[in-house]
């Protein structure tokens, strides 16, 4: 393995700057990840807010058509976990939160949310600064005009933090959500192809919901692809050139870190260019053997607001942020004997 040496790295210079250019994401935002391929059942749902954003009163996350949800878990069954951060107005510090996601009776309702039976209710059983907080997530099938947003919706209602201590319904510790991630297993089954999740968030203002401040955020979920071509360019000098491209939804991914694996072990790292391409030239010494080449990349979620929010879903409700999902991709294997 050590007989392979790099002769030249042909990916375009300056890709590190391209990779960083899309990472400054506005808030609030919605991020969707996990095992969401065809027939898979895991999902990671993350919502974030900035400290200076208006605290959310109600968040409705719409699950795209084509997904199915298993809402049959019996009350008391753990279906996932949750982590996150809140900012305590009372203590003036950020506080971590964590806990389990537990199925509860479908008649469970949070104050401020629709008081009707639901397809399912998942309770985020949270521990924050030694306090226990229950935060129900209502799972409903959409109907009527709402069906255009998605097949299902996940609804969370939160208490205000900007009201005096002792006010009924005030959030514990005057807590304001900064970020929350919950992971559920054996619940979602995804459809093939690219999908768009949407969230409609209505904030608090002076202890009352503020419909005029409602915003839309989106998360685009798409599998990424990395290709690989490897060929001998000079048999006498035992030179191989490996090239490929990283794409997502058919679009180039700039600045992706690519690992070139030789016989299953990562040997060389390089970055994709602005066109998503990468290229490297290697020379081999030593005895004649067969080498297996494969490329792998892991790409974090990225900002996609410009294109993802081009057409808001509701009149007078701005789409303020869109992300595109993270992915890990591996190429085909190519065997070369030199």
Protein backbone atom coordinates (compact mmCIF):
# COMPACT_ATOMS: atom_id res chain seq x y z
CA UNK A 1 0.00 0.00 0.00
CA UNK A 2 2.84 2.40 0.77
CA UNK A 3 4.14 1.96 -2.77
CA UNK A 4 1.54 4.45 -4.07
CA UNK A 5 2.69 8.09 -4.11
CA UNK A 6 0.90 11.23 -5.22
CA UNK A 7 2.31 12.94 -8.27
CA UNK A 8 -0.20 15.74 -8.61
CA UNK A 9 -3.47 16.95 -7.14
CA UNK A 10 -5.54 18.38 -9.95
CA UNK A 11 -8.64 19.57 -8.13
CA UNK A 12 -8.97 23.34 -8.50
CA UNK A 13 -7.41 25.56 -5.84
CA UNK A 14 -9.58 27.69 -3.63
CA UNK A 15 -12.25 25.08 -2.95
CA UNK A 16 -11.95 25.48 0.80
CA UNK A 17 -13.36 28.98 0.45
CA UNK A 18 -16.20 27.62 -1.67
CA UNK A 19 -16.99 25.03 0.99
CA UNK A 20 -17.26 27.67 3.67
CA UNK A 21 -19.26 30.12 1.61
CA UNK A 22 -22.54 28.29 2.13
CA UNK A 23 -22.25 27.48 5.81
CA UNK A 24 -23.55 30.72 7.34
CA UNK A 25 -27.17 29.76 7.80
CA UNK A 26 -29.85 32.20 8.87
CA UNK A 27 -32.26 31.33 11.67
CA UNK A 28 -34.78 29.96 12.33
CA UNK A 29 -34.07 26.85 10.33
CA UNK A 30 -35.20 23.28 9.82
CA UNK A 31 -32.78 20.39 9.27
CA UNK A 32 -33.82 16.85 8.37
CA UNK A 33 -31.44 13.89 8.36
CA UNK A 34 -31.09 10.27 9.34
CA UNK A 35 -31.94 7.10 7.43
CA UNK A 36 -34.48 8.46 4.98
CA UNK A 37 -33.82 6.36 1.90
CA UNK A 38 -36.47 4.23 0.26
CA UNK A 39 -37.77 1.69 2.76
CA UNK A 40 -35.71 3.03 5.67
CA UNK A 41 -37.33 4.12 8.90
CA UNK A 42 -35.07 6.45 10.89
CA UNK A 43 -35.37 10.23 10.98
CA UNK A 44 -33.60 13.13 12.69
CA UNK A 45 -35.61 16.34 12.96
CA UNK A 46 -33.87 19.52 14.11
CA UNK A 47 -35.23 23.03 14.57
CA UNK A 48 -33.09 25.99 15.61
CA UNK A 49 -33.74 29.59 16.61
CA UNK A 50 -31.39 32.44 17.40
CA UNK A 51 -31.44 33.95 20.88
CA UNK A 52 -32.67 37.21 19.37
CA UNK A 53 -35.47 35.59 17.36
CA UNK A 54 -39.00 35.87 18.68
CA UNK A 55 -39.73 32.79 20.76
CA UNK A 56 -41.87 30.26 18.87
CA UNK A 57 -45.44 29.72 20.05
CA UNK A 58 -46.31 27.00 17.53
CA UNK A 59 -44.19 25.01 15.08
CA UNK A 60 -45.87 22.86 12.44
CA UNK A 61 -43.49 20.60 10.50
CA UNK A 62 -44.99 19.10 7.34
CA UNK A 63 -43.83 15.65 6.28
CA UNK A 64 -43.73 15.32 2.46
CA UNK A 65 -46.24 13.20 0.57
CA UNK A 66 -44.88 9.73 -0.11
CA UNK A 67 -43.77 9.16 3.48
CA UNK A 68 -45.69 6.89 5.81
CA UNK A 69 -45.73 7.14 9.60
CA UNK A 70 -46.12 4.25 12.00
CA UNK A 71 -48.25 5.67 14.81
CA UNK A 72 -49.09 2.34 16.42
CA UNK A 73 -46.60 2.42 19.31
CA UNK A 74 -48.39 1.78 22.59
CA UNK A 75 -48.33 4.39 25.33
CA UNK A 76 -45.10 4.25 27.31
CA UNK A 77 -43.01 2.90 24.42
CA UNK A 78 -39.74 4.72 23.78
CA UNK A 79 -39.53 5.64 20.09
CA UNK A 80 -36.45 7.88 20.13
CA UNK A 81 -34.28 10.42 21.93
CA UNK A 82 -33.95 14.20 22.00
CA UNK A 83 -31.23 16.74 22.76
CA UNK A 84 -30.96 20.49 22.49
CA UNK A 85 -30.47 23.85 24.17
CA UNK A 86 -32.73 26.49 25.67
CA UNK A 87 -31.89 29.97 26.91
CA UNK A 88 -33.19 30.60 30.41
CA UNK A 89 -34.41 34.16 30.78
CA UNK A 90 -34.52 33.69 34.56
CA UNK A 91 -30.90 32.49 34.86
CA UNK A 92 -29.64 34.43 31.82
CA UNK A 93 -27.68 31.41 30.58
CA UNK A 94 -28.10 28.70 27.96
CA UNK A 95 -29.07 25.30 29.36
CA UNK A 96 -28.77 21.86 27.73
CA UNK A 97 -31.78 19.60 27.47
CA UNK A 98 -32.02 15.87 26.84
CA UNK A 99 -34.46 13.03 27.22
CA UNK A 100 -36.42 10.26 25.59
CA UNK A 101 -39.18 10.44 23.00
CA UNK A 102 -42.04 8.36 24.41
CA UNK A 103 -45.38 7.46 22.85
CA UNK A 104 -48.33 8.74 24.91
CA UNK A 105 -52.12 8.43 24.38
CA UNK A 106 -53.30 10.13 21.16
CA UNK A 107 -55.71 12.28 23.19
CA UNK A 108 -52.77 14.06 24.88
CA UNK A 109 -52.82 17.77 24.06
CA UNK A 110 -50.44 20.62 24.77
CA UNK A 111 -51.85 24.05 25.70
CA UNK A 112 -52.23 26.15 22.57
CA UNK A 113 -52.48 23.18 20.23
CA UNK A 114 -55.58 21.73 18.61
CA UNK A 115 -57.55 19.86 21.32
CA UNK A 116 -58.46 16.88 19.14
CA UNK A 117 -57.44 13.20 19.04
CA UNK A 118 -54.30 12.68 16.98
CA UNK A 119 -52.82 9.93 14.86
CA UNK A 120 -50.10 9.71 17.51
CA UNK A 121 -48.48 11.84 20.17
CA UNK A 122 -44.79 11.62 21.01
CA UNK A 123 -43.80 13.17 24.31
CA UNK A 124 -40.36 14.70 24.61
CA UNK A 125 -39.62 13.82 28.24
CA UNK A 126 -36.95 16.45 28.88
CA UNK A 127 -34.57 17.16 31.73
CA UNK A 128 -33.49 20.82 31.89
CA UNK A 129 -31.39 22.10 34.82
CA UNK A 130 -32.76 19.40 37.09
CA UNK A 131 -36.35 20.05 36.08
CA UNK A 132 -38.57 17.62 34.19
CA UNK A 133 -40.49 19.07 31.25
CA UNK A 134 -42.98 17.24 29.05
CA UNK A 135 -43.31 18.56 25.51
CA UNK A 136 -45.89 16.70 23.38
CA UNK A 137 -45.39 16.44 19.61
CA UNK A 138 -48.75 15.94 17.91
CA UNK A 139 -48.72 13.76 14.80
CA UNK A 140 -51.65 14.44 12.47
CA UNK A 141 -52.63 13.48 8.95
CA UNK A 142 -53.28 16.57 6.85
CA UNK A 143 -56.54 17.25 5.04
CA UNK A 144 -58.03 19.87 2.75
CA UNK A 145 -55.76 22.73 1.70
CA UNK A 146 -53.10 21.60 4.19
CA UNK A 147 -52.56 18.40 2.22
CA UNK A 148 -50.64 20.47 -0.35
CA UNK A 149 -47.95 21.00 2.31
CA UNK A 150 -47.43 17.30 3.01
CA UNK A 151 -49.06 14.05 4.04
CA UNK A 152 -48.57 14.55 7.79
CA UNK A 153 -47.65 17.30 10.20
CA UNK A 154 -45.75 17.32 13.49
CA UNK A 155 -47.01 20.10 15.74
CA UNK A 156 -45.31 21.52 18.84
CA UNK A 157 -46.71 24.30 21.04
CA UNK A 158 -44.45 26.19 23.44
CA UNK A 159 -45.10 28.58 26.33
CA UNK A 160 -44.02 32.26 26.24
CA UNK A 161 -40.85 33.35 27.98
CA UNK A 162 -41.42 37.12 27.83
CA UNK A 163 -44.15 37.33 30.47
CA UNK A 164 -43.77 37.85 34.25
CA UNK A 165 -42.82 34.97 36.49
CA UNK A 166 -45.94 33.24 37.76
CA UNK A 167 -47.98 33.92 34.62
CA UNK A 168 -50.03 30.79 33.80
CA UNK A 169 -48.53 28.88 30.87
CA UNK A 170 -45.14 30.61 31.09
CA UNK A 171 -42.30 28.41 29.93
CA UNK A 172 -40.32 26.81 32.80
CA UNK A 173 -37.39 29.02 33.86
CA UNK A 174 -38.44 31.48 31.19
CA UNK A 175 -36.84 29.08 28.73
CA UNK A 176 -36.60 30.01 25.07
CA UNK A 177 -35.85 27.31 22.53
CA UNK A 178 -32.47 27.66 20.77
CA UNK A 179 -32.26 24.25 19.18
CA UNK A 180 -33.91 20.87 19.55
CA UNK A 181 -33.15 17.62 17.80
CA UNK A 182 -35.24 14.52 18.12
CA UNK A 183 -34.45 11.18 16.58
CA UNK A 184 -37.10 8.52 16.06
CA UNK A 185 -36.69 4.94 14.85
CA UNK A 186 -39.13 2.60 13.13
CA UNK A 187 -41.56 5.45 12.60
CA UNK A 188 -40.96 7.02 9.18
CA UNK A 189 -40.78 5.14 5.92
CA UNK A 190 -39.54 7.30 3.08
CA UNK A 191 -40.55 7.53 -0.55
CA UNK A 192 -37.97 7.54 -3.35
CA UNK A 193 -36.60 10.73 -4.85
CA UNK A 194 -35.95 14.21 -3.49
CA UNK A 195 -38.35 15.60 -0.90
CA UNK A 196 -39.02 18.97 0.73
CA UNK A 197 -40.02 19.26 4.39
CA UNK A 198 -41.65 22.54 5.43
CA UNK A 199 -42.11 24.20 8.80
CA UNK A 200 -44.50 27.04 9.60
CA UNK A 201 -43.56 28.87 12.80
CA UNK A 202 -45.70 31.44 14.60
CA UNK A 203 -43.89 33.44 17.33
CA UNK A 204 -44.93 34.98 20.63
CA UNK A 205 -45.17 38.74 21.11
CA UNK A 206 -45.94 40.12 24.55
CA UNK A 207 -47.54 36.90 25.76
CA UNK A 208 -49.82 36.37 22.74
CA UNK A 209 -49.24 34.51 19.45
CA UNK A 210 -48.23 36.88 16.65
CA UNK A 211 -49.62 35.58 13.31
CA UNK A 212 -48.08 38.55 11.49
CA UNK A 213 -44.63 37.23 12.45
CA UNK A 214 -45.21 33.77 10.99
CA UNK A 215 -42.38 32.45 8.80
CA UNK A 216 -41.69 29.37 6.70
CA UNK A 217 -38.50 27.30 6.76
CA UNK A 218 -37.64 24.30 4.60
CA UNK A 219 -35.37 21.27 4.54
CA UNK A 220 -34.53 19.59 1.26
CA UNK A 221 -33.74 15.89 1.61
CA UNK A 222 -31.72 14.34 -1.17
CA UNK A 223 -29.18 11.57 -1.60
CA UNK A 224 -25.73 12.56 -2.82
CA UNK A 225 -23.56 10.74 -5.33
CA UNK A 226 -19.82 10.42 -5.81
CA UNK A 227 -18.44 8.96 -9.02
CA UNK A 228 -14.99 7.49 -9.69
CA UNK A 229 -13.03 6.74 -12.81
CA UNK A 230 -9.51 5.35 -12.49
CA UNK A 231 -7.30 4.42 -15.42
CA UNK A 232 -3.67 3.78 -16.25
CA UNK A 233 -2.22 6.78 -18.10
CA UNK A 234 1.37 5.50 -18.39
CA UNK A 235 1.82 1.75 -18.07
CA UNK A 236 5.60 1.88 -18.28
CA UNK A 237 5.89 4.42 -15.46
CA UNK A 238 2.94 2.77 -13.61
CA UNK A 239 0.89 5.97 -13.38
CA UNK A 240 -2.85 6.03 -12.59
CA UNK A 241 -5.19 9.00 -12.75
CA UNK A 242 -8.36 8.94 -10.62
CA UNK A 243 -11.14 11.43 -11.31
CA UNK A 244 -14.75 11.87 -10.24
CA UNK A 245 -17.51 14.23 -9.22
CA UNK A 246 -19.67 14.89 -6.16
CA UNK A 247 -23.29 15.86 -6.81
CA UNK A 248 -26.58 16.15 -4.95
CA UNK A 249 -29.90 16.33 -6.78
CA UNK A 250 -27.84 16.55 -9.94
CA UNK A 251 -26.07 19.74 -8.81
CA UNK A 252 -22.33 19.98 -8.15
CA UNK A 253 -21.17 20.01 -4.52
CA UNK A 254 -18.20 22.33 -4.14
CA UNK A 255 -15.58 21.88 -1.43
CA UNK A 256 -16.56 18.31 -0.51
CA UNK A 257 -13.79 16.37 1.21
CA UNK A 258 -13.13 13.20 -0.75
CA UNK A 259 -11.26 10.20 0.61
CA UNK A 260 -9.60 7.94 -1.94
CA UNK A 261 -9.53 4.40 -0.60
CA UNK A 262 -6.92 1.89 -1.77
CA UNK A 263 -7.87 -1.68 -0.92
CA UNK A 264 -10.47 -0.37 1.52
CA UNK A 265 -8.16 1.99 3.43
CA UNK A 266 -8.26 5.78 3.17
CA UNK A 267 -4.95 6.89 1.68
CA UNK A 268 -5.45 10.30 0.08
CA UNK A 269 -7.72 13.25 0.80
CA UNK A 270 -8.71 15.99 -1.61
CA UNK A 271 -11.43 18.60 -2.18
CA UNK A 272 -13.94 18.88 -4.96
CA UNK A 273 -13.77 21.97 -7.17
CA UNK A 274 -16.50 24.52 -7.76
CA UNK A 275 -17.86 22.15 -10.40
CA UNK A 276 -17.87 19.27 -7.90
CA UNK A 277 -14.93 17.57 -9.63
CA UNK A 278 -11.78 16.06 -8.16
CA UNK A 279 -8.69 14.52 -9.71
CA UNK A 280 -5.44 12.98 -8.51
CA UNK A 281 -2.46 11.31 -10.22
CA UNK A 282 -0.64 8.45 -8.49
CA UNK A 283 2.44 6.39 -9.28
CA UNK A 284 3.19 2.92 -8.02
CA UNK A 285 6.49 1.29 -7.14
CA UNK A 286 7.33 -2.17 -5.85
CA UNK A 287 6.08 -5.50 -7.03
CA UNK A 288 3.14 -5.99 -9.36
CA UNK A 289 -0.20 -6.35 -7.52
CA UNK A 290 -3.90 -5.58 -7.94
CA UNK A 291 -5.22 -2.45 -6.20
CA UNK A 292 -8.89 -1.67 -5.56
CA UNK A 293 -9.81 2.02 -5.83
CA UNK A 294 -12.93 3.56 -4.27
CA UNK A 295 -13.96 7.12 -3.33
CA UNK A 296 -16.01 8.20 -0.32
CA UNK A 297 -17.36 11.54 0.88
CA UNK A 298 -19.43 12.84 3.79
CA UNK A 299 -21.07 16.23 3.25
CA UNK A 300 -22.73 18.25 6.02
CA UNK A 301 -26.05 20.04 5.61
CA UNK A 302 -25.74 23.28 3.68
CA UNK A 303 -27.62 26.48 3.05
CA UNK A 304 -30.04 26.35 0.10
CA UNK A 305 -32.16 29.43 0.86
CA UNK A 306 -31.72 31.19 -2.48
CA UNK A 307 -33.24 28.37 -4.52
CA UNK A 308 -35.12 26.48 -1.78
CA UNK A 309 -37.17 29.51 -0.70
CA UNK A 310 -37.81 30.94 -4.15
CA UNK A 311 -41.55 30.17 -3.99
CA UNK A 312 -43.10 30.52 -0.48
CA UNK A 313 -46.00 28.22 0.30
CA UNK A 314 -48.35 30.85 1.73
CA UNK A 315 -49.13 34.43 0.73
CA UNK A 316 -47.73 37.02 3.14
CA UNK A 317 -45.65 34.35 4.93
CA UNK A 318 -41.97 34.69 3.97
CA UNK A 319 -39.75 31.67 3.50
CA UNK A 320 -36.64 32.72 5.43
CA UNK A 321 -34.37 29.68 5.35
CA UNK A 322 -33.82 26.41 3.51
CA UNK A 323 -31.21 23.73 4.12
CA UNK A 324 -30.18 20.74 2.05
CA UNK A 325 -29.53 17.48 3.85
CA UNK A 326 -26.20 15.93 4.72
CA UNK A 327 -25.17 12.71 3.03
CA UNK A 328 -22.49 10.05 2.83
CA UNK A 329 -21.75 8.48 -0.53
CA UNK A 330 -19.33 5.85 -1.84
CA UNK A 331 -18.37 5.18 -5.42
CA UNK A 332 -18.09 1.95 -7.34
CA UNK A 333 -14.90 -0.08 -6.93
CA UNK A 334 -12.29 -0.20 -9.67
CA UNK A 335 -9.52 -2.81 -9.72
CA UNK A 336 -6.24 -2.12 -11.48
CA UNK A 337 -3.24 -4.44 -11.71
CA UNK A 338 0.15 -2.73 -12.00
